[in-house]
Amino acid sequence: MWLVYNIVFAVGFLVTLPYYLMRMARRGGYRRGFLQRVGIYDAALLMQLQDRPRIWIHAVSVGEVGVALKFMEAIRIRIPGSAFVLSTTTSTGHALAARALPPGDALIYYPVDFPPIIRRVLRIMRPSALILTEGELWPNMIRMVRERGLPLAVINGRLSNKSFRGYRRAGVFMRKPLRMISHFYMQNETDAGRIRALGVGPDQITVLGSAKYDGAAPDCQARDHARGLLAMAGYAATDTVMLGGSTWPGEEAILLDIYRELKPSHPALKLVL
């Protein structure tokens, strides 16, 4: 099974490599730190990764990085002196982590899920545990971490319907790796049910709710400013506001359709784009 997966992965990686090289050419963010994705680090980062055992936390992008940073704060309170390495997949998540990460912690890009690369990174880092934030699950990483007897957990876990269908199609490759994960801390019962349907035992799953908003610090000044703007636009304090923030092309039209459908039965509903 592992041989077939790695052959398929290698072929897929080579086929898609030109696409990512073109993205790097257009966006400098992908070019920076690219060698880290194949387990090659500069001397300063290499020394930092090897100076002491660290808990490795992986967060794909901006939202997951926020959750990971709050989780790290909580662990430091429980286990003083804990050291971390935080990995991200996207350049935007990496930039946020670079601004917010304490100086003693290390920051890397997540390595490609190919055995020689994963083996090299684990040999360099010697992590004491691996924590995956939300839902990026790579079979080789899971297998090699567990072969070393390290704890491996998913926090703030979620599994979209699209990802669920994809994992089901790849069932022969994913069933065993998923069972290797020590525990899944999921956001809700729907996500927990999807993980169970993929063959994970109920004793490996706990529903804790979403941690996404735990990292959002209240800003009273910004809140009052926003309320003032809404009042100037004719919004009453009792209105129900439907918000479309950071929208992509086409999403505004979808929100407008929903708004038109709901407005007759909810007269106090207002839309903000």
C-alpha atoms as a PDB file:
ATOM      1  CA  MET A   1       0.000   0.000   0.000  1.00  0.00           C
ATOM      2  CA  TRP A   2       2.814   2.419   0.944  1.00  0.00           C
ATOM      3  CA  LEU A   3       4.721   1.587  -2.253  1.00  0.00           C
ATOM      4  CA  VAL A   4       1.683   2.289  -4.438  1.00  0.00           C
ATOM      5  CA  TYR A   5       0.925   5.535  -2.558  1.00  0.00           C
ATOM      6  CA  ASN A   6       4.484   6.804  -2.940  1.00  0.00           C
ATOM      7  CA  ILE A   7       4.601   5.950  -6.646  1.00  0.00           C
ATOM      8  CA  VAL A   8       1.272   7.751  -7.225  1.00  0.00           C
ATOM      9  CA  PHE A   9       2.415  10.692  -5.076  1.00  0.00           C
ATOM     10  CA  ALA A  10       5.762  10.999  -6.902  1.00  0.00           C
ATOM     11  CA  VAL A  11       4.068  10.972 -10.317  1.00  0.00           C
ATOM     12  CA  GLY A  12       1.470  13.506  -9.169  1.00  0.00           C
ATOM     13  CA  PHE A  13       4.161  15.741  -7.678  1.00  0.00           C
ATOM     14  CA  LEU A  14       6.186  15.747 -10.911  1.00  0.00           C
ATOM     15  CA  VAL A  15       3.089  16.431 -13.030  1.00  0.00           C
ATOM     16  CA  THR A  16       1.997  19.399 -10.883  1.00  0.00           C
ATOM     17  CA  LEU A  17       5.517  20.793 -10.305  1.00  0.00           C
ATOM     18  CA  PRO A  18       5.445  23.073 -13.416  1.00  0.00           C
ATOM     19  CA  TYR A  19       2.222  24.668 -12.096  1.00  0.00           C
ATOM     20  CA  TYR A  20       3.840  25.469  -8.747  1.00  0.00           C
ATOM     21  CA  LEU A  21       7.008  26.737 -10.415  1.00  0.00           C
ATOM     22  CA  MET A  22       4.864  29.158 -12.449  1.00  0.00           C
ATOM     23  CA  ARG A  23       3.117  30.277  -9.249  1.00  0.00           C
ATOM     24  CA  MET A  24       6.516  30.902  -7.658  1.00  0.00           C
ATOM     25  CA  ALA A  25       7.530  32.948 -10.677  1.00  0.00           C
ATOM     26  CA  ARG A  26       4.411  35.122 -10.314  1.00  0.00           C
ATOM     27  CA  ARG A  27       4.375  35.304  -6.496  1.00  0.00           C
ATOM     28  CA  GLY A  28       7.570  35.826  -4.568  1.00  0.00           C
ATOM     29  CA  GLY A  29       5.979  34.401  -1.415  1.00  0.00           C
ATOM     30  CA  TYR A  30       6.116  30.885  -2.826  1.00  0.00           C
ATOM     31  CA  ARG A  31       9.758  31.241  -3.834  1.00  0.00           C
ATOM     32  CA  ARG A  32      10.987  32.255  -0.383  1.00  0.00           C
ATOM     33  CA  GLY A  33      11.737  29.257   1.777  1.00  0.00           C
ATOM     34  CA  PHE A  34      11.069  26.799  -1.057  1.00  0.00           C
ATOM     35  CA  LEU A  35      14.009  24.579  -0.110  1.00  0.00           C
ATOM     36  CA  GLN A  36      12.457  24.107   3.337  1.00  0.00           C
ATOM     37  CA  ARG A  37       9.673  22.188   1.590  1.00  0.00           C
ATOM     38  CA  VAL A  38      12.234  19.540   0.665  1.00  0.00           C
ATOM     39  CA  GLY A  39      13.905  19.518   4.085  1.00  0.00           C
ATOM     40  CA  ILE A  40      16.839  21.831   3.362  1.00  0.00           C
ATOM     41  CA  TYR A  41      17.467  24.572   5.960  1.00  0.00           C
ATOM     42  CA  ASP A  42      20.046  27.335   6.318  1.00  0.00           C
ATOM     43  CA  ALA A  43      22.683  27.073   9.051  1.00  0.00           C
ATOM     44  CA  ALA A  44      20.904  29.347  11.558  1.00  0.00           C
ATOM     45  CA  LEU A  45      17.555  27.560  11.267  1.00  0.00           C
ATOM     46  CA  LEU A  46      19.256  24.162  11.324  1.00  0.00           C
ATOM     47  CA  MET A  47      20.959  25.047  14.601  1.00  0.00           C
ATOM     48  CA  GLN A  48      17.673  26.271  16.067  1.00  0.00           C
ATOM     49  CA  LEU A  49      15.821  23.088  15.065  1.00  0.00           C
ATOM     50  CA  GLN A  50      18.492  20.934  16.701  1.00  0.00           C
ATOM     51  CA  ASP A  51      19.137  22.910  19.901  1.00  0.00           C
ATOM     52  CA  ARG A  52      16.455  21.132  21.981  1.00  0.00           C
ATOM     53  CA  PRO A  53      13.432  18.816  21.665  1.00  0.00           C
ATOM     54  CA  ARG A  54      10.382  20.644  20.359  1.00  0.00           C
ATOM     55  CA  ILE A  55       6.680  19.994  19.951  1.00  0.00           C
ATOM     56  CA  TRP A  56       5.933  20.236  16.231  1.00  0.00           C
ATOM     57  CA  ILE A  57       2.655  21.971  15.352  1.00  0.00           C
ATOM     58  CA  HIS A  58       1.436  22.180  11.761  1.00  0.00           C
ATOM     59  CA  ALA A  59      -0.991  24.909  10.680  1.00  0.00           C
ATOM     60  CA  VAL A  60      -1.869  25.199   6.982  1.00  0.00           C
ATOM     61  CA  SER A  61      -2.709  28.899   6.646  1.00  0.00           C
ATOM     62  CA  VAL A  62      -3.768  32.049   8.500  1.00  0.00           C
ATOM     63  CA  GLY A  63      -6.808  30.693  10.353  1.00  0.00           C
ATOM     64  CA  GLU A  64      -5.009  27.575  11.555  1.00  0.00           C
ATOM     65  CA  VAL A  65      -1.957  29.612  12.606  1.00  0.00           C
ATOM     66  CA  GLY A  66      -4.160  31.647  14.971  1.00  0.00           C
ATOM     67  CA  VAL A  67      -5.443  28.457  16.587  1.00  0.00           C
ATOM     68  CA  ALA A  68      -1.920  27.017  16.813  1.00  0.00           C
ATOM     69  CA  LEU A  69      -0.542  30.124  18.522  1.00  0.00           C
ATOM     70  CA  LYS A  70      -3.286  30.066  21.194  1.00  0.00           C
ATOM     71  CA  PHE A  71      -2.698  26.343  21.710  1.00  0.00           C
ATOM     72  CA  MET A  72       1.023  26.996  22.216  1.00  0.00           C
ATOM     73  CA  GLU A  73       0.243  29.663  24.828  1.00  0.00           C
ATOM     74  CA  ALA A  74      -1.952  27.214  26.715  1.00  0.00           C
ATOM     75  CA  ILE A  75       0.689  24.460  26.625  1.00  0.00           C
ATOM     76  CA  ARG A  76       3.339  26.857  27.964  1.00  0.00           C
ATOM     77  CA  ILE A  77       1.120  27.576  30.977  1.00  0.00           C
ATOM     78  CA  ARG A  78       0.688  23.857  31.662  1.00  0.00           C
ATOM     79  CA  ILE A  79       4.274  22.841  30.798  1.00  0.00           C
ATOM     80  CA  PRO A  80       6.636  25.787  31.413  1.00  0.00           C
ATOM     81  CA  GLY A  81       9.712  25.787  29.212  1.00  0.00           C
ATOM     82  CA  SER A  82       7.989  24.062  26.284  1.00  0.00           C
ATOM     83  CA  ALA A  83       9.607  24.772  22.924  1.00  0.00           C
ATOM     84  CA  PHE A  84       7.843  24.573  19.560  1.00  0.00           C
ATOM     85  CA  VAL A  85       8.434  24.406  15.842  1.00  0.00           C
ATOM     86  CA  LEU A  86       5.501  25.727  13.823  1.00  0.00           C
ATOM     87  CA  SER A  87       5.103  24.721  10.175  1.00  0.00           C
ATOM     88  CA  THR A  88       2.795  26.303   7.602  1.00  0.00           C
ATOM     89  CA  THR A  89       1.862  25.474   4.020  1.00  0.00           C
ATOM     90  CA  THR A  90       0.977  28.903   2.641  1.00  0.00           C
ATOM     91  CA  SER A  91       3.140  32.018   2.430  1.00  0.00           C
ATOM     92  CA  THR A  92       0.364  34.099   4.068  1.00  0.00           C
ATOM     93  CA  GLY A  93       0.232  31.763   7.059  1.00  0.00           C
ATOM     94  CA  HIS A  94       4.024  31.834   7.227  1.00  0.00           C
ATOM     95  CA  ALA A  95       4.074  35.658   7.240  1.00  0.00           C
ATOM     96  CA  LEU A  96       1.535  35.820  10.099  1.00  0.00           C
ATOM     97  CA  ALA A  97       3.478  33.247  12.122  1.00  0.00           C
ATOM     98  CA  ALA A  98       6.761  35.128  11.529  1.00  0.00           C
ATOM     99  CA  ARG A  99       5.228  38.265  13.077  1.00  0.00           C
ATOM    100  CA  ALA A 100       3.578  36.545  16.053  1.00  0.00           C
ATOM    101  CA  LEU A 101       5.897  33.663  16.978  1.00  0.00           C
ATOM    102  CA  PRO A 102       8.053  34.155  20.099  1.00  0.00           C
ATOM    103  CA  PRO A 103      11.809  34.379  19.362  1.00  0.00           C
ATOM    104  CA  GLY A 104      12.612  31.007  20.964  1.00  0.00           C
ATOM    105  CA  ASP A 105      10.314  29.054  18.645  1.00  0.00           C
ATOM    106  CA  ALA A 106      11.214  27.883  15.134  1.00  0.00           C
ATOM    107  CA  LEU A 107       9.220  28.443  11.941  1.00  0.00           C
ATOM    108  CA  ILE A 108       9.400  26.294   8.796  1.00  0.00           C
ATOM    109  CA  TYR A 109       7.411  25.431   5.703  1.00  0.00           C
ATOM    110  CA  TYR A 110       5.768  22.004   5.845  1.00  0.00           C
ATOM    111  CA  PRO A 111       7.834  19.403   3.953  1.00  0.00           C
ATOM    112  CA  VAL A 112       6.610  17.429   0.951  1.00  0.00           C
ATOM    113  CA  ASP A 113       5.108  14.079   2.003  1.00  0.00           C
ATOM    114  CA  PHE A 114       7.778  11.872   0.419  1.00  0.00           C
ATOM    115  CA  PRO A 115       9.716   9.333   2.544  1.00  0.00           C
ATOM    116  CA  PRO A 116      13.321  10.604   2.061  1.00  0.00           C
ATOM    117  CA  ILE A 117      12.203  14.183   2.805  1.00  0.00           C
ATOM    118  CA  ILE A 118      10.073  13.317   5.835  1.00  0.00           C
ATOM    119  CA  ARG A 119      12.801  11.022   7.176  1.00  0.00           C
ATOM    120  CA  ARG A 120      15.391  13.789   6.871  1.00  0.00           C
ATOM    121  CA  VAL A 121      13.202  16.399   8.602  1.00  0.00           C
ATOM    122  CA  LEU A 122      12.381  14.080  11.507  1.00  0.00           C
ATOM    123  CA  ARG A 123      16.053  13.153  11.880  1.00  0.00           C
ATOM    124  CA  ILE A 124      17.030  16.835  12.034  1.00  0.00           C
ATOM    125  CA  MET A 125      14.238  17.985  14.302  1.00  0.00           C
ATOM    126  CA  ARG A 126      13.715  15.003  16.647  1.00  0.00           C
ATOM    127  CA  PRO A 127      10.287  16.343  17.758  1.00  0.00           C
ATOM    128  CA  SER A 128       8.682  15.164  20.988  1.00  0.00           C
ATOM    129  CA  ALA A 129       5.167  15.180  19.448  1.00  0.00           C
ATOM    130  CA  LEU A 130       3.289  16.261  16.320  1.00  0.00           C
ATOM    131  CA  ILE A 131       0.067  18.285  16.517  1.00  0.00           C
ATOM    132  CA  LEU A 132      -1.960  18.793  13.325  1.00  0.00           C
ATOM    133  CA  THR A 133      -4.318  21.778  13.307  1.00  0.00           C
ATOM    134  CA  GLU A 134      -7.739  21.167  11.728  1.00  0.00           C
ATOM    135  CA  GLY A 135      -7.342  18.612   8.953  1.00  0.00           C
ATOM    136  CA  GLU A 136      -4.292  18.310   6.693  1.00  0.00           C
ATOM    137  CA  LEU A 137      -3.432  14.594   6.915  1.00  0.00           C
ATOM    138  CA  TRP A 138      -0.423  13.200   5.031  1.00  0.00           C
ATOM    139  CA  PRO A 139       0.086   9.403   5.174  1.00  0.00           C
ATOM    140  CA  ASN A 140       3.910   9.263   5.147  1.00  0.00           C
ATOM    141  CA  MET A 141       4.230  11.876   7.869  1.00  0.00           C
ATOM    142  CA  ILE A 142       1.667  10.083  10.041  1.00  0.00           C
ATOM    143  CA  ARG A 143       3.315   6.697   9.535  1.00  0.00           C
ATOM    144  CA  MET A 144       6.882   7.865  10.207  1.00  0.00           C
ATOM    145  CA  VAL A 145       5.941   9.866  13.294  1.00  0.00           C
ATOM    146  CA  ARG A 146       4.124   6.867  14.754  1.00  0.00           C
ATOM    147  CA  GLU A 147       7.012   4.528  13.863  1.00  0.00           C
ATOM    148  CA  ARG A 148       9.118   6.677  16.186  1.00  0.00           C
ATOM    149  CA  GLY A 149       6.565   6.186  18.965  1.00  0.00           C
ATOM    150  CA  LEU A 150       5.680   9.892  19.131  1.00  0.00           C
ATOM    151  CA  PRO A 151       2.272  11.229  20.212  1.00  0.00           C
ATOM    152  CA  LEU A 152       0.235  12.495  17.255  1.00  0.00           C
ATOM    153  CA  ALA A 153      -3.058  14.369  17.572  1.00  0.00           C
ATOM    154  CA  VAL A 154      -5.412  16.560  15.544  1.00  0.00           C
ATOM    155  CA  ILE A 155      -6.727  19.692  17.294  1.00  0.00           C
ATOM    156  CA  ASN A 156      -9.719  21.816  16.254  1.00  0.00           C
ATOM    157  CA  GLY A 157     -10.363  19.066  13.730  1.00  0.00           C
ATOM    158  CA  ARG A 158     -12.737  19.524  10.849  1.00  0.00           C
ATOM    159  CA  LEU A 159     -13.475  17.609   7.670  1.00  0.00           C
ATOM    160  CA  SER A 160     -15.406  19.359   4.911  1.00  0.00           C
ATOM    161  CA  ASN A 161     -17.772  17.349   2.757  1.00  0.00           C
ATOM    162  CA  LYS A 162     -15.365  17.744  -0.179  1.00  0.00           C
ATOM    163  CA  SER A 163     -12.399  16.463   1.860  1.00  0.00           C
ATOM    164  CA  PHE A 164     -14.530  13.648   3.245  1.00  0.00           C
ATOM    165  CA  ARG A 165     -15.421  12.472  -0.268  1.00  0.00           C
ATOM    166  CA  GLY A 166     -11.756  12.684  -1.279  1.00  0.00           C
ATOM    167  CA  TYR A 167     -10.593  10.632   1.723  1.00  0.00           C
ATOM    168  CA  ARG A 168     -13.288   8.037   1.034  1.00  0.00           C
ATOM    169  CA  ARG A 169     -12.091   7.679  -2.559  1.00  0.00           C
ATOM    170  CA  ALA A 170      -8.545   7.212  -1.239  1.00  0.00           C
ATOM    171  CA  GLY A 171      -9.788   4.822   1.459  1.00  0.00           C
ATOM    172  CA  VAL A 172      -7.151   2.123   0.920  1.00  0.00           C
ATOM    173  CA  PHE A 173      -4.404   4.726   1.467  1.00  0.00           C
ATOM    174  CA  MET A 174      -6.023   6.652   4.342  1.00  0.00           C
ATOM    175  CA  ARG A 175      -7.716   4.043   6.540  1.00  0.00           C
ATOM    176  CA  LYS A 176      -4.556   2.789   8.239  1.00  0.00           C
ATOM    177  CA  PRO A 177      -2.868   6.225   8.662  1.00  0.00           C
ATOM    178  CA  LEU A 178      -6.020   7.665  10.254  1.00  0.00           C
ATOM    179  CA  ARG A 179      -6.065   4.853  12.809  1.00  0.00           C
ATOM    180  CA  MET A 180      -2.437   5.662  13.675  1.00  0.00           C
ATOM    181  CA  ILE A 181      -3.390   9.119  14.979  1.00  0.00           C
ATOM    182  CA  SER A 182      -3.559   9.053  18.775  1.00  0.00           C
ATOM    183  CA  HIS A 183      -6.594  11.321  19.078  1.00  0.00           C
ATOM    184  CA  PHE A 184      -8.881  13.620  17.095  1.00  0.00           C
ATOM    185  CA  TYR A 185     -10.273  16.688  18.903  1.00  0.00           C
ATOM    186  CA  MET A 186     -13.067  17.689  16.525  1.00  0.00           C
ATOM    187  CA  GLN A 187     -15.097  20.890  16.155  1.00  0.00           C
ATOM    188  CA  ASN A 188     -18.558  19.305  16.010  1.00  0.00           C
ATOM    189  CA  GLU A 189     -20.517  16.068  15.733  1.00  0.00           C
ATOM    190  CA  THR A 190     -20.730  16.284  11.937  1.00  0.00           C
ATOM    191  CA  ASP A 191     -16.938  16.334  11.620  1.00  0.00           C
ATOM    192  CA  ALA A 192     -16.636  13.568  14.218  1.00  0.00           C
ATOM    193  CA  GLY A 193     -19.156  11.447  12.276  1.00  0.00           C
ATOM    194  CA  ARG A 194     -17.166  11.841   9.064  1.00  0.00           C
ATOM    195  CA  ILE A 195     -13.961  10.741  10.801  1.00  0.00           C
ATOM    196  CA  ARG A 196     -15.779   7.718  12.263  1.00  0.00           C
ATOM    197  CA  ALA A 197     -17.077   6.843   8.784  1.00  0.00           C
ATOM    198  CA  LEU A 198     -13.464   6.712   7.593  1.00  0.00           C
ATOM    199  CA  GLY A 199     -12.729   3.944  10.078  1.00  0.00           C
ATOM    200  CA  VAL A 200     -11.501   5.837  13.158  1.00  0.00           C
ATOM    201  CA  GLY A 201     -12.668   4.316  16.447  1.00  0.00           C
ATOM    202  CA  PRO A 202     -15.005   6.314  18.744  1.00  0.00           C
ATOM    203  CA  ASP A 203     -12.401   6.099  21.534  1.00  0.00           C
ATOM    204  CA  GLN A 204     -10.026   8.157  19.335  1.00  0.00           C
ATOM    205  CA  ILE A 205     -12.483  11.063  18.952  1.00  0.00           C
ATOM    206  CA  THR A 206     -13.555  13.885  21.283  1.00  0.00           C
ATOM    207  CA  VAL A 207     -15.808  16.801  20.266  1.00  0.00           C
ATOM    208  CA  LEU A 208     -14.602  20.073  21.847  1.00  0.00           C
ATOM    209  CA  GLY A 209     -16.193  22.756  19.651  1.00  0.00           C
ATOM    210  CA  SER A 210     -14.345  25.257  17.451  1.00  0.00           C
ATOM    211  CA  ALA A 211     -11.257  27.045  18.772  1.00  0.00           C
ATOM    212  CA  LYS A 212     -11.184  29.438  15.815  1.00  0.00           C
ATOM    213  CA  TYR A 213     -12.643  32.369  17.716  1.00  0.00           C
ATOM    214  CA  ASP A 214     -10.539  31.803  20.854  1.00  0.00           C
ATOM    215  CA  GLY A 215      -7.731  33.676  19.131  1.00  0.00           C
ATOM    216  CA  ALA A 216      -9.855  36.740  18.334  1.00  0.00           C
ATOM    217  CA  ALA A 217      -9.023  39.316  21.019  1.00  0.00           C
ATOM    218  CA  PRO A 218     -11.844  41.831  21.641  1.00  0.00           C
ATOM    219  CA  ASP A 219     -11.149  45.349  20.348  1.00  0.00           C
ATOM    220  CA  CYS A 220     -13.623  47.728  21.991  1.00  0.00           C
ATOM    221  CA  GLN A 221     -12.480  50.748  19.983  1.00  0.00           C
ATOM    222  CA  ALA A 222     -12.904  48.939  16.654  1.00  0.00           C
ATOM    223  CA  ARG A 223     -16.283  47.561  17.774  1.00  0.00           C
ATOM    224  CA  ASP A 224     -17.595  51.011  18.692  1.00  0.00           C
ATOM    225  CA  HIS A 225     -16.295  52.422  15.399  1.00  0.00           C
ATOM    226  CA  ALA A 226     -18.086  49.678  13.439  1.00  0.00           C
ATOM    227  CA  ARG A 227     -21.316  50.271  15.366  1.00  0.00           C
ATOM    228  CA  GLY A 228     -21.052  53.993  14.615  1.00  0.00           C
ATOM    229  CA  LEU A 229     -20.689  53.318  10.889  1.00  0.00           C
ATOM    230  CA  LEU A 230     -23.706  50.987  10.937  1.00  0.00           C
ATOM    231  CA  ALA A 231     -25.779  53.603  12.767  1.00  0.00           C
ATOM    232  CA  MET A 232     -24.807  56.243  10.162  1.00  0.00           C
ATOM    233  CA  ALA A 233     -25.963  53.806   7.451  1.00  0.00           C
ATOM    234  CA  GLY A 234     -29.378  53.496   9.117  1.00  0.00           C
ATOM    235  CA  TYR A 235     -28.840  50.185  10.902  1.00  0.00           C
ATOM    236  CA  ALA A 236     -30.627  49.851  14.248  1.00  0.00           C
ATOM    237  CA  ALA A 237     -29.031  48.121  17.242  1.00  0.00           C
ATOM    238  CA  THR A 238     -31.804  45.500  17.065  1.00  0.00           C
ATOM    239  CA  ASP A 239     -31.152  44.635  13.403  1.00  0.00           C
ATOM    240  CA  THR A 240     -29.799  41.205  12.494  1.00  0.00           C
ATOM    241  CA  VAL A 241     -26.715  41.691  10.334  1.00  0.00           C
ATOM    242  CA  MET A 242     -25.663  39.188   7.701  1.00  0.00           C
ATOM    243  CA  LEU A 243     -21.976  39.782   6.919  1.00  0.00           C
ATOM    244  CA  GLY A 244     -20.007  38.807   3.834  1.00  0.00           C
ATOM    245  CA  GLY A 245     -16.343  39.536   4.592  1.00  0.00           C
ATOM    246  CA  SER A 246     -13.285  38.861   2.405  1.00  0.00           C
ATOM    247  CA  THR A 247     -15.515  37.618  -0.403  1.00  0.00           C
ATOM    248  CA  TRP A 248     -14.339  36.127  -3.685  1.00  0.00           C
ATOM    249  CA  PRO A 249     -15.887  36.848  -7.114  1.00  0.00           C
ATOM    250  CA  GLY A 250     -19.364  35.339  -7.337  1.00  0.00           C
ATOM    251  CA  GLU A 251     -19.926  35.037  -3.590  1.00  0.00           C
ATOM    252  CA  GLU A 252     -21.631  38.444  -3.347  1.00  0.00           C
ATOM    253  CA  ALA A 253     -24.313  37.266  -5.797  1.00  0.00           C
ATOM    254  CA  ILE A 254     -24.897  34.145  -3.692  1.00  0.00           C
ATOM    255  CA  LEU A 255     -25.246  36.257  -0.534  1.00  0.00           C
ATOM    256  CA  LEU A 256     -27.675  38.611  -2.270  1.00  0.00           C
ATOM    257  CA  ASP A 257     -29.854  35.661  -3.349  1.00  0.00           C
ATOM    258  CA  ILE A 258     -29.914  34.349   0.219  1.00  0.00           C
ATOM    259  CA  TYR A 259     -30.693  37.838   1.529  1.00  0.00           C
ATOM    260  CA  ARG A 260     -33.633  38.251  -0.865  1.00  0.00           C
ATOM    261  CA  GLU A 261     -34.993  34.858   0.183  1.00  0.00           C
ATOM    262  CA  LEU A 262     -34.748  35.560   3.924  1.00  0.00           C
ATOM    263  CA  LYS A 263     -35.805  39.231   3.998  1.00  0.00           C
ATOM    264  CA  PRO A 264     -39.613  38.713   3.714  1.00  0.00           C
ATOM    265  CA  SER A 265     -39.688  36.473   6.809  1.00  0.00           C
ATOM    266  CA  HIS A 266     -36.969  38.462   8.673  1.00  0.00           C
ATOM    267  CA  PRO A 267     -37.747  42.191   8.229  1.00  0.00           C
ATOM    268  CA  ALA A 268     -34.911  43.239  10.584  1.00  0.00           C
ATOM    269  CA  LEU A 269     -32.282  41.476   8.485  1.00  0.00           C
ATOM    270  CA  LYS A 270     -29.593  43.734   6.964  1.00  0.00           C
ATOM    271  CA  LEU A 271     -26.729  42.789   4.647  1.00  0.00           C
ATOM    272  CA  VAL A 272     -23.155  44.089   4.848  1.00  0.00           C
ATOM    273  CA  LEU A 273     -20.595  43.250   2.149  1.00  0.00           C
END
